[in-house]
Amino acid sequence: MIRYLGKRVGTGAVSLLCLITLTFFLVHSMPGTPFDAGNVSEQILQVLEHKYGLDQPVSVQYFRYMGMIFRGDFGISMKKQGFAVNQLIMRCIPVTARLGISAFLLACILGAVLGGIGYRRKGSWIAAVCRGIRSTAIAIPNYVYGLGFMLIFGVWLKWFPIAGIATGKNYVLPVLSLALYPAGTIATMVEAALSEEEQKEYVVLLRAKGLTSAEILRHHFVKPVFLQVLPYLGQLLAYLLTGCFVIENIFTIPGLGREFVTAITNRDYTVIMGLTIFMGIVVTGVQLVVDILQKMLDPRIRNEGTY
């Protein structure tokens, strides 16, 4: 297991290094500089570029920035002068985490319930309703949900606020907007996995022993179904924890996604790089946890001889 873990960490580190390098050179290949906009004199522009090292060759800037990263320093924002990128990220993390984790849990609960009911009531009108709900959930993008919920529940009915994070009620509409699409996907995967598991030979033996369908579902189907859905859950969690760009902008939520869009608009190199690195670390970390869980829970993977 230690060898496997070391291999996965090494692969993740190489992927992260490639991401940093590619992003750095792409950002610096953009025309102009962060200071081009506005009425800035040529002299002041030269002073600002020298302050942030933008007057040096890109290769020199790259190795200097890599040195800063290894010291845990993402630099200073070029547009919010005097504002450390580390500080900006730490300010955004709790906001995006609350939004993302809430949406993740709601999607898992709704998906499991819809998928389970669709499987248990197979062939009934209830199963048809569940299929209709999940098909609708999958068919509509989250930004459409966001705009629709904002209009109906925020503007017309005035039940919920439509911007900011002043209270817990501010999170209700964004969380719903983010949770519905993945809930439909999870429901589809759960029902398909349950139906597939039901066809296996060991289920016939369990029924012959007198176990009811409910007992088989509770005691024998949960683990294999979870293993089939686990890779998607990892991708979903990584996406939600790295900033939900569209939803955060629609509801004016000061999270990682909104800050990233603002940084790109302003060509704020250091903020773009800092957020990209943080998001890369989160995605790599979540994928590592998913791989370890699969290794621990799935005997087919556990016995591949990679220990």
Protein backbone atom coordinates (compact mmCIF):
# COMPACT_ATOMS: atom_id res chain seq x y z
CA MET A 1 0.00 0.00 0.00
CA ILE A 2 2.85 2.39 0.79
CA ARG A 3 4.39 1.77 -2.64
CA TYR A 4 1.04 2.36 -4.31
CA LEU A 5 0.50 5.55 -2.32
CA GLY A 6 3.98 6.80 -3.20
CA LYS A 7 3.36 6.09 -6.88
CA ARG A 8 0.07 8.00 -6.85
CA VAL A 9 1.60 10.96 -5.00
CA GLY A 10 4.47 11.04 -7.49
CA THR A 11 2.09 10.98 -10.45
CA GLY A 12 0.04 13.76 -8.89
CA ALA A 13 3.14 15.88 -8.27
CA VAL A 14 4.26 15.53 -11.89
CA SER A 15 0.77 16.43 -13.13
CA LEU A 16 0.72 19.47 -10.85
CA LEU A 17 4.14 20.60 -12.10
CA CYS A 18 2.95 20.30 -15.71
CA LEU A 19 -0.18 22.30 -14.85
CA ILE A 20 1.85 25.08 -13.21
CA THR A 21 4.30 25.27 -16.12
CA LEU A 22 1.61 25.26 -18.82
CA THR A 23 -0.52 27.85 -17.01
CA PHE A 24 2.46 30.12 -16.34
CA PHE A 25 3.52 30.33 -19.97
CA LEU A 26 -0.06 30.61 -21.24
CA VAL A 27 -0.75 33.50 -18.87
CA HIS A 28 2.44 35.29 -19.83
CA SER A 29 1.72 34.79 -23.54
CA MET A 30 -1.39 36.96 -23.24
CA PRO A 31 -0.95 40.29 -25.05
CA GLY A 32 -0.20 43.30 -22.87
CA THR A 33 0.24 43.40 -19.08
CA PRO A 34 -2.10 43.79 -16.09
CA PHE A 35 -1.26 47.50 -16.04
CA ASP A 36 -2.15 48.38 -19.64
CA ALA A 37 -5.72 49.40 -18.88
CA GLY A 38 -6.43 52.92 -17.68
CA ASN A 39 -4.57 56.20 -18.00
CA VAL A 40 -1.15 55.04 -16.82
CA SER A 41 1.88 56.95 -18.03
CA GLU A 42 4.75 55.11 -19.68
CA GLN A 43 7.03 55.93 -16.74
CA ILE A 44 4.63 54.55 -14.14
CA LEU A 45 4.04 51.48 -16.33
CA GLN A 46 7.78 50.77 -16.39
CA VAL A 47 8.00 51.16 -12.61
CA LEU A 48 5.12 48.70 -12.06
CA GLU A 49 6.53 46.16 -14.51
CA HIS A 50 9.93 46.37 -12.82
CA LYS A 51 8.33 45.99 -9.37
CA TYR A 52 6.69 42.71 -10.36
CA GLY A 53 9.58 41.52 -12.53
CA LEU A 54 7.59 41.67 -15.77
CA ASP A 55 10.48 43.40 -17.52
CA GLN A 56 12.62 40.26 -17.16
CA PRO A 57 12.69 37.30 -19.60
CA VAL A 58 9.80 34.87 -19.11
CA SER A 59 12.21 32.04 -18.26
CA VAL A 60 13.70 34.12 -15.42
CA GLN A 61 10.21 34.95 -14.15
CA TYR A 62 9.28 31.26 -14.25
CA PHE A 63 12.18 30.01 -12.13
CA ARG A 64 11.76 32.88 -9.69
CA TYR A 65 8.07 32.05 -9.34
CA MET A 66 8.80 28.34 -8.84
CA GLY A 67 11.15 29.31 -6.02
CA MET A 68 8.37 31.31 -4.41
CA ILE A 69 5.95 28.38 -4.69
CA PHE A 70 8.32 26.02 -2.88
CA ARG A 71 8.42 28.58 -0.05
CA GLY A 72 4.62 28.60 0.05
CA ASP A 73 4.41 32.15 -1.30
CA PHE A 74 2.03 32.85 -4.20
CA GLY A 75 3.04 36.48 -4.41
CA ILE A 76 1.10 39.76 -4.35
CA SER A 77 -1.94 40.59 -6.47
CA MET A 78 -1.00 42.88 -9.34
CA LYS A 79 -4.40 44.55 -9.43
CA LYS A 80 -5.14 44.63 -5.69
CA GLN A 81 -1.72 45.98 -4.79
CA GLY A 82 -0.53 45.01 -1.33
CA PHE A 83 -3.02 42.11 -1.14
CA ALA A 84 -1.28 38.73 -0.79
CA VAL A 85 -2.61 35.94 -3.00
CA ASN A 86 -2.32 33.50 -0.07
CA GLN A 87 -4.60 35.78 1.95
CA LEU A 88 -7.09 36.05 -0.90
CA ILE A 89 -7.27 32.26 -1.29
CA MET A 90 -7.73 31.73 2.45
CA ARG A 91 -10.56 34.27 2.44
CA CYS A 92 -12.36 32.49 -0.43
CA ILE A 93 -11.91 28.88 0.74
CA PRO A 94 -14.58 28.88 3.51
CA VAL A 95 -17.17 30.41 1.18
CA THR A 96 -16.61 27.94 -1.66
CA ALA A 97 -16.28 25.03 0.80
CA ARG A 98 -19.66 25.77 2.41
CA LEU A 99 -21.30 26.11 -0.97
CA GLY A 100 -19.59 23.09 -2.53
CA ILE A 101 -19.93 20.64 0.36
CA SER A 102 -23.60 21.56 0.88
CA ALA A 103 -24.33 21.00 -2.81
CA PHE A 104 -22.35 17.74 -2.78
CA LEU A 105 -24.24 16.31 0.20
CA LEU A 106 -27.62 17.37 -1.20
CA ALA A 107 -26.80 15.85 -4.59
CA CYS A 108 -25.74 12.57 -2.97
CA ILE A 109 -28.89 12.36 -0.84
CA LEU A 110 -31.27 13.23 -3.67
CA GLY A 111 -29.44 10.97 -6.11
CA ALA A 112 -29.42 7.98 -3.75
CA VAL A 113 -33.10 8.42 -2.88
CA LEU A 114 -34.26 8.84 -6.49
CA GLY A 115 -32.09 5.97 -7.71
CA GLY A 116 -33.16 3.68 -4.88
CA ILE A 117 -36.86 4.42 -5.33
CA GLY A 118 -36.58 3.99 -9.09
CA TYR A 119 -35.01 0.57 -8.56
CA ARG A 120 -37.38 -0.63 -5.81
CA ARG A 121 -40.52 0.56 -7.64
CA LYS A 122 -39.38 -0.66 -11.05
CA GLY A 123 -42.24 -0.71 -13.57
CA SER A 124 -44.56 1.47 -11.48
CA TRP A 125 -45.71 5.06 -11.99
CA ILE A 126 -43.47 6.09 -9.09
CA ALA A 127 -40.42 4.82 -10.99
CA ALA A 128 -41.61 6.72 -14.06
CA VAL A 129 -41.86 9.91 -11.99
CA CYS A 130 -38.34 9.35 -10.65
CA ARG A 131 -37.03 8.86 -14.18
CA GLY A 132 -38.76 12.05 -15.29
CA ILE A 133 -37.27 14.03 -12.41
CA ARG A 134 -33.73 12.82 -13.01
CA SER A 135 -34.00 13.28 -16.79
CA THR A 136 -35.16 16.86 -16.27
CA ALA A 137 -32.38 17.47 -13.75
CA ILE A 138 -29.74 16.24 -16.20
CA ALA A 139 -31.18 18.10 -19.19
CA ILE A 140 -30.95 21.60 -17.68
CA PRO A 141 -27.57 23.33 -17.02
CA ASN A 142 -26.96 24.68 -13.52
CA TYR A 143 -26.85 28.31 -14.65
CA VAL A 144 -30.41 27.97 -16.01
CA TYR A 145 -31.51 26.65 -12.62
CA GLY A 146 -29.70 29.55 -10.98
CA LEU A 147 -31.32 32.23 -13.11
CA GLY A 148 -34.74 30.56 -12.82
CA PHE A 149 -34.56 30.18 -9.04
CA MET A 150 -33.33 33.76 -8.71
CA LEU A 151 -36.25 35.08 -10.75
CA ILE A 152 -38.96 32.95 -9.12
CA PHE A 153 -37.89 32.67 -5.47
CA GLY A 154 -35.81 35.82 -5.22
CA VAL A 155 -37.47 38.47 -7.38
CA TRP A 156 -41.12 37.38 -7.65
CA LEU A 157 -41.77 35.58 -4.35
CA LYS A 158 -38.94 37.27 -2.41
CA TRP A 159 -38.40 34.15 -0.28
CA PHE A 160 -34.63 34.15 -0.54
CA PRO A 161 -31.92 36.78 -1.09
CA ILE A 162 -30.30 36.67 -4.52
CA ALA A 163 -26.81 38.00 -3.84
CA GLY A 164 -24.03 37.83 -1.27
CA ILE A 165 -23.47 35.53 1.71
CA ALA A 166 -24.88 37.59 4.59
CA THR A 167 -26.99 34.73 6.03
CA GLY A 168 -27.53 31.02 5.58
CA LYS A 169 -30.55 31.77 3.38
CA ASN A 170 -28.17 33.21 0.78
CA TYR A 171 -26.83 29.70 0.15
CA VAL A 172 -30.19 27.99 -0.49
CA LEU A 173 -30.68 28.92 -4.15
CA PRO A 174 -27.02 28.47 -5.20
CA VAL A 175 -26.84 25.07 -3.48
CA LEU A 176 -30.03 23.90 -5.19
CA SER A 177 -28.77 25.17 -8.54
CA LEU A 178 -25.54 23.21 -8.15
CA ALA A 179 -27.06 20.02 -6.71
CA LEU A 180 -29.81 19.18 -9.20
CA TYR A 181 -27.73 18.18 -12.23
CA PRO A 182 -25.35 15.86 -10.30
CA ALA A 183 -28.32 14.48 -8.33
CA GLY A 184 -29.88 13.32 -11.60
CA THR A 185 -26.59 11.79 -12.71
CA ILE A 186 -26.09 9.99 -9.39
CA ALA A 187 -29.68 8.69 -9.47
CA THR A 188 -29.14 7.25 -12.95
CA MET A 189 -25.88 5.59 -11.91
CA VAL A 190 -27.36 4.19 -8.68
CA GLU A 191 -30.38 2.64 -10.38
CA ALA A 192 -28.24 1.16 -13.16
CA ALA A 193 -25.74 -0.24 -10.64
CA LEU A 194 -28.51 -1.77 -8.52
CA SER A 195 -30.13 -3.38 -11.57
CA GLU A 196 -26.76 -4.76 -12.68
CA GLU A 197 -26.02 -6.15 -9.23
CA GLU A 198 -29.43 -7.83 -9.10
CA GLN A 199 -28.53 -9.96 -12.14
CA LYS A 200 -25.50 -11.57 -10.48
CA GLU A 201 -25.57 -15.22 -9.43
CA TYR A 202 -24.96 -14.66 -5.72
CA VAL A 203 -28.31 -12.84 -5.44
CA VAL A 204 -30.15 -16.05 -6.38
CA LEU A 205 -28.37 -17.85 -3.55
CA LEU A 206 -29.26 -15.10 -1.08
CA ARG A 207 -32.92 -15.28 -2.09
CA ALA A 208 -32.82 -19.07 -1.70
CA LYS A 209 -31.59 -18.54 1.86
CA GLY A 210 -34.72 -16.52 2.58
CA LEU A 211 -33.35 -12.97 2.46
CA THR A 212 -35.83 -10.33 1.36
CA SER A 213 -35.09 -7.79 -1.36
CA ALA A 214 -34.79 -5.05 1.27
CA GLU A 215 -32.25 -7.09 3.27
CA ILE A 216 -30.19 -7.86 0.17
CA LEU A 217 -30.25 -4.19 -0.78
CA ARG A 218 -29.11 -3.01 2.66
CA HIS A 219 -26.48 -5.63 3.39
CA HIS A 220 -25.07 -6.65 0.00
CA PHE A 221 -25.71 -3.95 -2.61
CA VAL A 222 -24.47 -0.82 -0.86
CA LYS A 223 -20.73 -1.47 -1.22
CA PRO A 224 -20.62 -2.52 -4.91
CA VAL A 225 -22.96 0.32 -5.89
CA PHE A 226 -20.85 2.81 -3.94
CA LEU A 227 -17.72 1.59 -5.73
CA GLN A 228 -19.35 2.16 -9.12
CA VAL A 229 -20.44 5.70 -8.21
CA LEU A 230 -17.25 6.62 -6.32
CA PRO A 231 -15.20 7.90 -9.31
CA TYR A 232 -17.98 10.30 -10.29
CA LEU A 233 -18.37 11.45 -6.67
CA GLY A 234 -14.66 12.28 -6.60
CA GLN A 235 -14.90 14.33 -9.79
CA LEU A 236 -18.01 16.10 -8.49
CA LEU A 237 -16.44 16.98 -5.14
CA ALA A 238 -13.29 18.29 -6.82
CA TYR A 239 -15.38 20.45 -9.15
CA LEU A 240 -17.49 21.87 -6.33
CA LEU A 241 -14.49 22.57 -4.08
CA THR A 242 -12.53 24.43 -6.74
CA GLY A 243 -15.12 27.09 -7.34
CA CYS A 244 -18.41 27.01 -9.18
CA PHE A 245 -17.56 29.77 -11.64
CA VAL A 246 -20.97 30.47 -13.18
CA ILE A 247 -23.12 30.08 -10.05
CA GLU A 248 -20.76 32.15 -7.89
CA ASN A 249 -20.92 34.95 -10.45
CA ILE A 250 -24.70 34.76 -10.87
CA PHE A 251 -25.31 35.03 -7.12
CA THR A 252 -22.36 37.37 -6.45
CA ILE A 253 -20.71 34.90 -4.08
CA PRO A 254 -17.10 35.88 -3.21
CA GLY A 255 -15.65 32.40 -3.65
CA LEU A 256 -12.78 30.89 -5.60
CA GLY A 257 -14.70 30.70 -8.87
CA ARG A 258 -15.77 34.34 -8.87
CA GLU A 259 -12.27 35.46 -7.89
CA PHE A 260 -10.76 33.38 -10.70
CA VAL A 261 -13.05 34.93 -13.32
CA THR A 262 -12.22 38.41 -12.00
CA ALA A 263 -8.49 37.65 -12.13
CA ILE A 264 -8.71 36.50 -15.76
CA THR A 265 -10.70 39.60 -16.71
CA ASN A 266 -8.09 41.83 -15.04
CA ARG A 267 -5.13 39.74 -16.28
CA ASP A 268 -3.94 39.46 -12.68
CA TYR A 269 -1.11 36.97 -13.27
CA THR A 270 -0.30 36.13 -9.66
CA VAL A 271 -3.92 35.54 -8.66
CA ILE A 272 -4.55 33.38 -11.74
CA MET A 273 -1.48 31.29 -10.94
CA GLY A 274 -2.23 31.02 -7.21
CA LEU A 275 -5.82 29.92 -7.75
CA THR A 276 -4.81 27.48 -10.50
CA ILE A 277 -2.22 25.86 -8.24
CA PHE A 278 -4.67 25.62 -5.34
CA MET A 279 -7.35 24.09 -7.57
CA GLY A 280 -4.80 21.65 -8.96
CA ILE A 281 -3.83 20.59 -5.44
CA VAL A 282 -7.49 20.05 -4.50
CA VAL A 283 -8.24 18.00 -7.63
CA THR A 284 -5.09 15.92 -7.16
CA GLY A 285 -5.83 15.39 -3.47
CA VAL A 286 -9.42 14.32 -4.06
CA GLN A 287 -8.37 11.93 -6.82
CA LEU A 288 -5.74 10.45 -4.51
CA VAL A 289 -8.35 9.85 -1.80
CA VAL A 290 -10.68 8.21 -4.36
CA ASP A 291 -7.87 5.94 -5.59
CA ILE A 292 -7.02 4.91 -2.02
CA LEU A 293 -10.67 4.18 -1.20
CA GLN A 294 -11.02 2.06 -4.33
CA LYS A 295 -7.82 0.23 -3.44
CA MET A 296 -9.05 -0.48 0.08
CA LEU A 297 -12.65 -1.42 -0.74
CA ASP A 298 -12.41 -3.21 -4.09
CA PRO A 299 -10.68 -6.62 -3.85
CA ARG A 300 -10.18 -6.72 -7.63
CA ILE A 301 -7.96 -3.64 -7.42
CA ARG A 302 -6.48 -4.59 -4.05
CA ASN A 303 -5.15 -7.88 -5.43
CA GLU A 304 -3.47 -6.43 -8.51
CA GLY A 305 -0.08 -6.75 -6.85
CA THR A 306 0.68 -3.06 -6.54
CA TYR A 307 1.35 -3.17 -2.82
